[in-house]
Every structure is written in C-alpha cells, then in structure tokens.
Amino acid sequence: MSQSDAPKPKPPDWGTLGWLIIALFFFIIAIGNASGLGDSQNRPLTPSFDQTESDN
C-alpha cells in the first residue's frame, strides 16, 4: 500500500509554490519598472527616450 502513497505528489504544495514564484516575479518586474533599477540610464540602448525624458 506504500506504492500508492509514494507516487502521490502534493498539489497544494505545488500550487502555493507556483503562486509564490509568480508573485515574486511580478514584484521584481514591478519594482524594476517603477524604479528603473538604473538600467535605463546605464544602458545607451534608447538615447531618444532619455533625451525626451530629459527635455521634459
């Protein structure tokens, strides 16, 4: 009877873990977008955007 209990995964555990990961991911993205993380200013990928923001 142990065989039936062994291959039984924990759906609630997985769900919580998934939600936690998703929440963390969204949180990191939101914080990065809100504060910019200094990536936008350090990355000369969008000089036009930086100039427009500076002009404003």
C-alpha atoms as a PDB file:
ATOM      1  CA  MET A   1       0.000   0.000   0.000  1.00  0.00           C
ATOM      2  CA  SER A   2       3.057   2.186   0.281  1.00  0.00           C
ATOM      3  CA  GLN A   3       3.401   2.220  -3.501  1.00  0.00           C
ATOM      4  CA  SER A   4       0.161   4.153  -3.905  1.00  0.00           C
ATOM      5  CA  ASP A   5       1.283   6.736  -1.349  1.00  0.00           C
ATOM      6  CA  ALA A   6       4.787   7.189  -2.742  1.00  0.00           C
ATOM      7  CA  PRO A   7       3.959   8.461  -6.259  1.00  0.00           C
ATOM      8  CA  LYS A   8       1.324  10.812  -4.839  1.00  0.00           C
ATOM      9  CA  PRO A   9       2.516  14.405  -5.352  1.00  0.00           C
ATOM     10  CA  LYS A  10       1.313  17.337  -3.255  1.00  0.00           C
ATOM     11  CA  PRO A  11      -0.944  19.532  -5.412  1.00  0.00           C
ATOM     12  CA  PRO A  12      -1.475  22.178  -2.703  1.00  0.00           C
ATOM     13  CA  ASP A  13       2.266  22.496  -2.158  1.00  0.00           C
ATOM     14  CA  TRP A  14       2.901  22.930  -5.865  1.00  0.00           C
ATOM     15  CA  GLY A  15       0.119  25.474  -6.192  1.00  0.00           C
ATOM     16  CA  THR A  16       1.468  27.562  -3.346  1.00  0.00           C
ATOM     17  CA  LEU A  17       4.984  27.352  -4.723  1.00  0.00           C
ATOM     18  CA  GLY A  18       3.817  28.371  -8.173  1.00  0.00           C
ATOM     19  CA  TRP A  19       1.877  31.329  -6.822  1.00  0.00           C
ATOM     20  CA  LEU A  20       4.844  32.395  -4.716  1.00  0.00           C
ATOM     21  CA  ILE A  21       7.176  32.277  -7.699  1.00  0.00           C
ATOM     22  CA  ILE A  22       4.724  34.189  -9.893  1.00  0.00           C
ATOM     23  CA  ALA A  23       4.146  36.812  -7.200  1.00  0.00           C
ATOM     24  CA  LEU A  24       7.881  37.223  -6.672  1.00  0.00           C
ATOM     25  CA  PHE A  25       8.476  37.523 -10.407  1.00  0.00           C
ATOM     26  CA  PHE A  26       5.760  40.157 -10.779  1.00  0.00           C
ATOM     27  CA  PHE A  27       7.043  42.011  -7.728  1.00  0.00           C
ATOM     28  CA  ILE A  28      10.568  42.140  -9.120  1.00  0.00           C
ATOM     29  CA  ILE A  29       9.313  43.316 -12.516  1.00  0.00           C
ATOM     30  CA  ALA A  30       7.067  45.959 -10.940  1.00  0.00           C
ATOM     31  CA  ILE A  31       9.865  47.277  -8.730  1.00  0.00           C
ATOM     32  CA  GLY A  32      12.301  47.271 -11.635  1.00  0.00           C
ATOM     33  CA  ASN A  33       9.856  49.170 -13.832  1.00  0.00           C
ATOM     34  CA  ALA A  34       8.934  51.626 -11.086  1.00  0.00           C
ATOM     35  CA  SER A  35      12.491  52.471 -10.027  1.00  0.00           C
ATOM     36  CA  GLY A  36      14.137  51.587 -13.342  1.00  0.00           C
ATOM     37  CA  LEU A  37      16.911  49.831 -11.419  1.00  0.00           C
ATOM     38  CA  GLY A  38      19.297  52.279 -13.123  1.00  0.00           C
ATOM     39  CA  ASP A  39      19.262  50.015 -16.164  1.00  0.00           C
ATOM     40  CA  SER A  40      17.539  52.510 -18.452  1.00  0.00           C
ATOM     41  CA  GLN A  41      20.053  55.242 -17.640  1.00  0.00           C
ATOM     42  CA  ASN A  42      23.048  52.934 -17.728  1.00  0.00           C
ATOM     43  CA  ARG A  43      22.026  51.308 -20.995  1.00  0.00           C
ATOM     44  CA  PRO A  44      22.597  53.548 -24.028  1.00  0.00           C
ATOM     45  CA  LEU A  45      20.082  51.478 -25.949  1.00  0.00           C
ATOM     46  CA  THR A  46      17.430  54.209 -26.095  1.00  0.00           C
ATOM     47  CA  PRO A  47      19.130  57.611 -26.450  1.00  0.00           C
ATOM     48  CA  SER A  48      15.954  59.070 -27.926  1.00  0.00           C
ATOM     49  CA  PHE A  49      13.900  58.092 -24.903  1.00  0.00           C
ATOM     50  CA  ASP A  50      16.460  59.513 -22.493  1.00  0.00           C
ATOM     51  CA  GLN A  51      16.606  62.787 -24.399  1.00  0.00           C
ATOM     52  CA  THR A  52      12.825  63.111 -24.470  1.00  0.00           C
ATOM     53  CA  GLU A  53      12.612  62.477 -20.743  1.00  0.00           C
ATOM     54  CA  SER A  54      15.396  64.954 -20.035  1.00  0.00           C
ATOM     55  CA  ASP A  55      13.760  67.590 -22.235  1.00  0.00           C
ATOM     56  CA  ASN A  56      10.539  67.285 -20.304  1.00  0.00           C
END
